[in-house]
Amino acid sequence: MAQKAKAAKLNVFARISKGLSDIRNEMKRVVWPNRTEVINSSVVVIVTLLFFVAFTFIIDSLSSWLFIDLLAKIGR
């Protein structure tokens, strides 16, 4: 409980300094990916993106064709 009271009494600059120190310590713990992992992840993202673009294009084209065809038949 005493630590909470002490932390609450820190001034603005002390809190900012502590926050930056905490950020620095956390960044030291980060495990950064190597070049191969970044390339592999990027390829997966690009392939997935292309798949969903193609899928969306196909579904949109088919639905547009279907609705235009239905509207043409209804309009007769």
Protein backbone atom coordinates (compact mmCIF):
# COMPACT_ATOMS: atom_id res chain seq x y z
CA MET A 1 0.00 0.00 0.00
CA ALA A 2 2.89 2.34 0.73
CA GLN A 3 4.19 1.90 -2.83
CA LYS A 4 0.88 3.03 -4.29
CA ALA A 5 0.94 6.16 -2.13
CA LYS A 6 4.52 6.88 -3.17
CA ALA A 7 3.73 6.35 -6.86
CA ALA A 8 0.74 8.66 -6.59
CA LYS A 9 2.93 11.42 -5.13
CA LEU A 10 5.44 11.44 -8.02
CA ASN A 11 5.42 14.65 -10.00
CA VAL A 12 4.75 14.76 -13.73
CA PHE A 13 8.40 14.62 -14.80
CA ALA A 14 9.16 11.68 -12.51
CA ARG A 15 6.19 9.76 -13.92
CA ILE A 16 7.27 10.49 -17.49
CA SER A 17 10.82 9.40 -16.67
CA LYS A 18 9.56 6.19 -15.06
CA GLY A 19 7.29 5.51 -18.01
CA LEU A 20 10.13 5.93 -20.50
CA SER A 21 12.35 3.72 -18.36
CA ASP A 22 9.65 1.04 -18.30
CA ILE A 23 9.28 1.28 -22.09
CA ARG A 24 13.05 0.92 -22.54
CA ASN A 25 13.09 -2.18 -20.30
CA GLU A 26 10.19 -3.76 -22.17
CA MET A 27 11.82 -3.09 -25.55
CA LYS A 28 14.88 -5.02 -24.38
CA ARG A 29 12.64 -8.06 -23.83
CA VAL A 30 11.12 -7.98 -27.31
CA VAL A 31 12.11 -10.85 -29.59
CA TRP A 32 12.52 -9.30 -33.01
CA PRO A 33 11.97 -11.49 -36.10
CA ASN A 34 14.88 -12.20 -38.40
CA ARG A 35 14.88 -11.37 -42.11
CA THR A 36 13.59 -14.81 -43.19
CA GLU A 37 10.65 -14.65 -40.80
CA VAL A 38 9.71 -11.17 -42.03
CA ILE A 39 9.87 -12.27 -45.67
CA ASN A 40 7.82 -15.42 -45.01
CA SER A 41 5.18 -13.46 -43.09
CA SER A 42 5.02 -10.83 -45.83
CA VAL A 43 4.54 -13.50 -48.50
CA VAL A 44 1.71 -15.08 -46.51
CA VAL A 45 0.00 -11.69 -46.10
CA ILE A 46 0.35 -10.84 -49.82
CA VAL A 47 -0.94 -14.25 -50.97
CA THR A 48 -3.87 -14.05 -48.57
CA LEU A 49 -4.65 -10.52 -49.74
CA LEU A 50 -4.58 -11.59 -53.41
CA PHE A 51 -6.85 -14.56 -52.64
CA PHE A 52 -9.45 -12.36 -50.95
CA VAL A 53 -9.28 -9.72 -53.69
CA ALA A 54 -9.91 -12.42 -56.31
CA PHE A 55 -12.65 -14.01 -54.20
CA THR A 56 -14.40 -10.66 -53.70
CA PHE A 57 -14.10 -9.82 -57.41
CA ILE A 58 -15.60 -13.19 -58.42
CA ILE A 59 -18.47 -12.96 -55.94
CA ASP A 60 -19.19 -9.36 -56.95
CA SER A 61 -19.13 -10.19 -60.65
CA LEU A 62 -21.38 -13.21 -60.24
CA SER A 63 -23.88 -11.38 -58.06
CA SER A 64 -23.96 -8.40 -60.42
CA TRP A 65 -24.52 -10.67 -63.42
CA LEU A 66 -27.22 -12.61 -61.56
CA PHE A 67 -29.11 -9.52 -60.42
CA ILE A 68 -28.86 -7.82 -63.81
CA ASP A 69 -30.15 -11.01 -65.45
CA LEU A 70 -32.99 -11.30 -62.94
CA LEU A 71 -33.95 -7.65 -63.35
CA ALA A 72 -33.95 -8.04 -67.12
CA LYS A 73 -36.31 -11.03 -66.88
CA ILE A 74 -38.58 -9.30 -64.40
CA GLY A 75 -38.74 -6.18 -66.61
CA ARG A 76 -40.08 -8.12 -69.60
